[in-house]
Amino acid sequence: MDADPTYLGPGTYGLLWPVLGGLLLLALLVWAGLIYLSTRPPEEPRRAPMPPDAVTRIRQAALGRIDEVEQHVHSGGLSARGGHHELSLVVRGFAAEVAGLDADRMTAADLRARGPEHLARLIEEYYPRQFGAAESEPPTIDASARAAREVVSGWT
């Protein structure tokens, strides 16, 4: 029997098409992974608790700084508004250092949402004295310093 001249037999596939298909599947998987990772909420970093002696040292430094600010306002070296700015910085810095809270960059709304309630109340109390239309009176620095001391002293 003679071979049929129209019959060509099975063809061979080139290597190009399977490689391109595999690369396309790999690209789709990478793209899906990137989409998944980019839409996940960020995880809160976990910090180990500070040793009590370190917290005590930081607390004493903050309380000393509060006393300095209060005395500076009473001596006339700093305005009451500037004193409230400084007290806010001291308390926010204390919270940032002790709790790892990014309090020095947080607004009052952020503090209400993610921070301790007593810190949020104190910062909200300082806002009108820091940013109000009229300069706050020097006697208000006594109450503000007392409130700052309460927050720093009562921090656990």
C-alpha atoms as a PDB file:
ATOM      1  CA  MET A   1       0.000   0.000   0.000  1.00  0.00           C
ATOM      2  CA  ASP A   2       1.341   3.344  -0.987  1.00  0.00           C
ATOM      3  CA  ALA A   3       1.286   6.325   1.336  1.00  0.00           C
ATOM      4  CA  ASP A   4      -1.342   8.936   0.632  1.00  0.00           C
ATOM      5  CA  PRO A   5       0.450  12.109  -0.504  1.00  0.00           C
ATOM      6  CA  THR A   6      -2.256  14.354   1.122  1.00  0.00           C
ATOM      7  CA  TYR A   7      -1.695  12.888   4.567  1.00  0.00           C
ATOM      8  CA  LEU A   8       0.857  14.944   6.477  1.00  0.00           C
ATOM      9  CA  GLY A   9       0.896  13.108   9.810  1.00  0.00           C
ATOM     10  CA  PRO A  10       0.829  14.563  13.299  1.00  0.00           C
ATOM     11  CA  GLY A  11       2.356  17.982  13.627  1.00  0.00           C
ATOM     12  CA  THR A  12       4.733  19.069  16.322  1.00  0.00           C
ATOM     13  CA  TYR A  13       4.072  22.031  18.527  1.00  0.00           C
ATOM     14  CA  GLY A  14       6.712  24.649  19.011  1.00  0.00           C
ATOM     15  CA  LEU A  15       7.941  25.481  22.495  1.00  0.00           C
ATOM     16  CA  LEU A  16       6.967  29.155  22.167  1.00  0.00           C
ATOM     17  CA  TRP A  17       3.211  28.795  22.810  1.00  0.00           C
ATOM     18  CA  PRO A  18       3.366  26.716  26.024  1.00  0.00           C
ATOM     19  CA  VAL A  19       6.034  29.054  27.427  1.00  0.00           C
ATOM     20  CA  LEU A  20       3.934  32.129  26.603  1.00  0.00           C
ATOM     21  CA  GLY A  21       0.863  30.491  28.187  1.00  0.00           C
ATOM     22  CA  GLY A  22       2.805  29.684  31.351  1.00  0.00           C
ATOM     23  CA  LEU A  23       4.177  33.227  31.579  1.00  0.00           C
ATOM     24  CA  LEU A  24       0.673  34.618  31.128  1.00  0.00           C
ATOM     25  CA  LEU A  25      -0.630  32.438  33.981  1.00  0.00           C
ATOM     26  CA  LEU A  26       2.302  33.473  36.160  1.00  0.00           C
ATOM     27  CA  ALA A  27       1.645  37.153  35.409  1.00  0.00           C
ATOM     28  CA  LEU A  28      -2.032  36.722  36.349  1.00  0.00           C
ATOM     29  CA  LEU A  29      -1.103  35.067  39.647  1.00  0.00           C
ATOM     30  CA  VAL A  30       1.396  37.817  40.495  1.00  0.00           C
ATOM     31  CA  TRP A  31      -1.175  40.492  39.626  1.00  0.00           C
ATOM     32  CA  ALA A  32      -3.833  38.834  41.801  1.00  0.00           C
ATOM     33  CA  GLY A  33      -1.345  38.560  44.677  1.00  0.00           C
ATOM     34  CA  LEU A  34      -0.415  42.218  44.423  1.00  0.00           C
ATOM     35  CA  ILE A  35      -4.061  43.241  44.412  1.00  0.00           C
ATOM     36  CA  TYR A  36      -4.710  41.090  47.482  1.00  0.00           C
ATOM     37  CA  LEU A  37      -1.720  42.424  49.415  1.00  0.00           C
ATOM     38  CA  SER A  38      -2.349  46.064  48.525  1.00  0.00           C
ATOM     39  CA  THR A  39      -5.980  46.021  49.683  1.00  0.00           C
ATOM     40  CA  ARG A  40      -5.416  44.419  53.085  1.00  0.00           C
ATOM     41  CA  PRO A  41      -5.612  46.742  56.089  1.00  0.00           C
ATOM     42  CA  PRO A  42      -2.224  47.411  57.662  1.00  0.00           C
ATOM     43  CA  GLU A  43      -1.444  45.405  60.745  1.00  0.00           C
ATOM     44  CA  GLU A  44      -0.818  47.294  63.945  1.00  0.00           C
ATOM     45  CA  PRO A  45       2.731  46.752  65.112  1.00  0.00           C
ATOM     46  CA  ARG A  46       2.943  45.027  68.453  1.00  0.00           C
ATOM     47  CA  ARG A  47       5.277  46.461  71.031  1.00  0.00           C
ATOM     48  CA  ALA A  48       6.564  44.702  74.064  1.00  0.00           C
ATOM     49  CA  PRO A  49       5.554  46.454  77.285  1.00  0.00           C
ATOM     50  CA  MET A  50       8.161  48.777  78.741  1.00  0.00           C
ATOM     51  CA  PRO A  51       9.815  47.844  82.016  1.00  0.00           C
ATOM     52  CA  PRO A  52       8.280  49.694  84.975  1.00  0.00           C
ATOM     53  CA  ASP A  53      11.516  51.511  85.828  1.00  0.00           C
ATOM     54  CA  ALA A  54      11.719  52.929  82.285  1.00  0.00           C
ATOM     55  CA  VAL A  55       8.113  54.139  82.500  1.00  0.00           C
ATOM     56  CA  THR A  56       8.864  55.742  85.879  1.00  0.00           C
ATOM     57  CA  ARG A  57      11.918  57.512  84.458  1.00  0.00           C
ATOM     58  CA  ILE A  58       9.966  58.822  81.453  1.00  0.00           C
ATOM     59  CA  ARG A  59       7.067  59.870  83.705  1.00  0.00           C
ATOM     60  CA  GLN A  60       9.389  61.831  86.008  1.00  0.00           C
ATOM     61  CA  ALA A  61      10.957  63.596  83.030  1.00  0.00           C
ATOM     62  CA  ALA A  62       7.521  64.541  81.668  1.00  0.00           C
ATOM     63  CA  LEU A  63       6.320  65.795  85.052  1.00  0.00           C
ATOM     64  CA  GLY A  64       9.482  67.866  85.385  1.00  0.00           C
ATOM     65  CA  ARG A  65       8.925  69.351  81.942  1.00  0.00           C
ATOM     66  CA  ILE A  66       5.313  70.214  82.858  1.00  0.00           C
ATOM     67  CA  ASP A  67       6.589  72.077  85.946  1.00  0.00           C
ATOM     68  CA  GLU A  68       9.119  73.962  83.804  1.00  0.00           C
ATOM     69  CA  VAL A  69       6.459  75.033  81.316  1.00  0.00           C
ATOM     70  CA  GLU A  70       4.147  76.228  84.082  1.00  0.00           C
ATOM     71  CA  GLN A  71       6.924  78.241  85.737  1.00  0.00           C
ATOM     72  CA  HIS A  72       8.003  79.679  82.383  1.00  0.00           C
ATOM     73  CA  VAL A  73       4.468  80.955  81.719  1.00  0.00           C
ATOM     74  CA  HIS A  74       4.154  82.456  85.217  1.00  0.00           C
ATOM     75  CA  SER A  75       7.502  84.224  84.875  1.00  0.00           C
ATOM     76  CA  GLY A  76       6.376  85.808  81.602  1.00  0.00           C
ATOM     77  CA  GLY A  77       8.970  84.033  79.475  1.00  0.00           C
ATOM     78  CA  LEU A  78       6.273  82.178  77.546  1.00  0.00           C
ATOM     79  CA  SER A  79       2.739  83.172  76.615  1.00  0.00           C
ATOM     80  CA  ALA A  80      -0.176  81.126  77.890  1.00  0.00           C
ATOM     81  CA  ARG A  81      -0.859  79.986  74.320  1.00  0.00           C
ATOM     82  CA  GLY A  82       2.763  78.881  73.952  1.00  0.00           C
ATOM     83  CA  GLY A  83       2.510  77.137  77.316  1.00  0.00           C
ATOM     84  CA  HIS A  84      -0.500  75.164  76.125  1.00  0.00           C
ATOM     85  CA  HIS A  85       1.394  74.208  72.968  1.00  0.00           C
ATOM     86  CA  GLU A  86       4.291  72.998  75.107  1.00  0.00           C
ATOM     87  CA  LEU A  87       2.026  71.070  77.479  1.00  0.00           C
ATOM     88  CA  SER A  88       0.385  69.386  74.507  1.00  0.00           C
ATOM     89  CA  LEU A  89       3.804  68.425  73.141  1.00  0.00           C
ATOM     90  CA  VAL A  90       4.933  67.044  76.499  1.00  0.00           C
ATOM     91  CA  VAL A  91       1.830  64.896  76.999  1.00  0.00           C
ATOM     92  CA  ARG A  92       1.788  63.696  73.391  1.00  0.00           C
ATOM     93  CA  GLY A  93       5.509  62.896  73.566  1.00  0.00           C
ATOM     94  CA  PHE A  94       4.994  60.965  76.787  1.00  0.00           C
ATOM     95  CA  ALA A  95       2.195  58.911  75.208  1.00  0.00           C
ATOM     96  CA  ALA A  96       4.305  58.274  72.113  1.00  0.00           C
ATOM     97  CA  GLU A  97       7.293  57.122  74.120  1.00  0.00           C
ATOM     98  CA  VAL A  98       5.494  54.988  76.696  1.00  0.00           C
ATOM     99  CA  ALA A  99       2.683  53.472  74.645  1.00  0.00           C
ATOM    100  CA  GLY A 100       4.147  53.587  71.143  1.00  0.00           C
ATOM    101  CA  LEU A 101       1.138  55.658  70.122  1.00  0.00           C
ATOM    102  CA  ASP A 102       1.806  58.112  67.308  1.00  0.00           C
ATOM    103  CA  ALA A 103       0.170  60.808  69.441  1.00  0.00           C
ATOM    104  CA  ASP A 104       2.421  63.636  68.305  1.00  0.00           C
ATOM    105  CA  ARG A 105       0.990  63.353  64.789  1.00  0.00           C
ATOM    106  CA  MET A 106      -2.619  62.472  65.643  1.00  0.00           C
ATOM    107  CA  THR A 107      -5.524  64.903  65.575  1.00  0.00           C
ATOM    108  CA  ALA A 108      -8.098  64.983  68.339  1.00  0.00           C
ATOM    109  CA  ALA A 109     -10.421  62.865  66.181  1.00  0.00           C
ATOM    110  CA  ASP A 110      -7.649  60.290  65.683  1.00  0.00           C
ATOM    111  CA  LEU A 111      -6.996  60.209  69.407  1.00  0.00           C
ATOM    112  CA  ARG A 112     -10.705  59.733  70.115  1.00  0.00           C
ATOM    113  CA  ALA A 113     -10.809  56.830  67.667  1.00  0.00           C
ATOM    114  CA  ARG A 114      -7.565  55.038  68.579  1.00  0.00           C
ATOM    115  CA  GLY A 115      -6.071  56.579  71.676  1.00  0.00           C
ATOM    116  CA  PRO A 116      -6.884  56.515  75.362  1.00  0.00           C
ATOM    117  CA  GLU A 117      -9.948  58.562  76.245  1.00  0.00           C
ATOM    118  CA  HIS A 118      -8.236  60.677  78.913  1.00  0.00           C
ATOM    119  CA  LEU A 119      -5.533  61.769  76.467  1.00  0.00           C
ATOM    120  CA  ALA A 120      -8.108  62.657  73.813  1.00  0.00           C
ATOM    121  CA  ARG A 121     -10.118  64.740  76.320  1.00  0.00           C
ATOM    122  CA  LEU A 122      -7.019  66.616  77.437  1.00  0.00           C
ATOM    123  CA  ILE A 123      -5.896  67.436  73.899  1.00  0.00           C
ATOM    124  CA  GLU A 124      -9.425  68.567  73.004  1.00  0.00           C
ATOM    125  CA  GLU A 125      -9.390  70.779  76.087  1.00  0.00           C
ATOM    126  CA  TYR A 126      -6.129  72.375  74.937  1.00  0.00           C
ATOM    127  CA  TYR A 127      -7.327  73.120  71.390  1.00  0.00           C
ATOM    128  CA  PRO A 128      -9.286  76.332  72.147  1.00  0.00           C
ATOM    129  CA  ARG A 129      -6.416  77.607  74.300  1.00  0.00           C
ATOM    130  CA  GLN A 130      -3.868  76.808  71.606  1.00  0.00           C
ATOM    131  CA  PHE A 131      -5.744  77.876  68.503  1.00  0.00           C
ATOM    132  CA  GLY A 132      -8.558  80.119  69.763  1.00  0.00           C
ATOM    133  CA  ALA A 133      -9.086  83.646  68.472  1.00  0.00           C
ATOM    134  CA  ALA A 134      -8.085  85.270  71.767  1.00  0.00           C
ATOM    135  CA  GLU A 135      -4.949  84.541  73.741  1.00  0.00           C
ATOM    136  CA  SER A 136      -5.800  82.402  76.746  1.00  0.00           C
ATOM    137  CA  GLU A 137      -5.242  83.926  80.151  1.00  0.00           C
ATOM    138  CA  PRO A 138      -2.175  82.874  82.182  1.00  0.00           C
ATOM    139  CA  PRO A 139      -4.262  81.526  85.111  1.00  0.00           C
ATOM    140  CA  THR A 140      -5.639  78.822  82.799  1.00  0.00           C
ATOM    141  CA  ILE A 141      -2.165  77.330  82.607  1.00  0.00           C
ATOM    142  CA  ASP A 142      -2.523  76.130  86.232  1.00  0.00           C
ATOM    143  CA  ALA A 143      -5.580  74.026  85.433  1.00  0.00           C
ATOM    144  CA  SER A 144      -4.022  72.803  82.192  1.00  0.00           C
ATOM    145  CA  ALA A 145      -0.777  71.799  83.907  1.00  0.00           C
ATOM    146  CA  ARG A 146      -2.742  70.026  86.632  1.00  0.00           C
ATOM    147  CA  ALA A 147      -4.713  68.111  83.983  1.00  0.00           C
ATOM    148  CA  ALA A 148      -1.476  67.199  82.175  1.00  0.00           C
ATOM    149  CA  ARG A 149       0.015  65.935  85.447  1.00  0.00           C
ATOM    150  CA  GLU A 150      -3.075  63.791  86.037  1.00  0.00           C
ATOM    151  CA  VAL A 151      -2.816  62.198  82.595  1.00  0.00           C
ATOM    152  CA  VAL A 152       0.925  61.527  82.917  1.00  0.00           C
ATOM    153  CA  SER A 153       0.725  60.323  86.539  1.00  0.00           C
ATOM    154  CA  GLY A 154      -2.291  58.092  85.938  1.00  0.00           C
ATOM    155  CA  TRP A 155      -0.957  56.459  82.785  1.00  0.00           C
ATOM    156  CA  THR A 156      -0.723  52.684  83.081  1.00  0.00           C
END
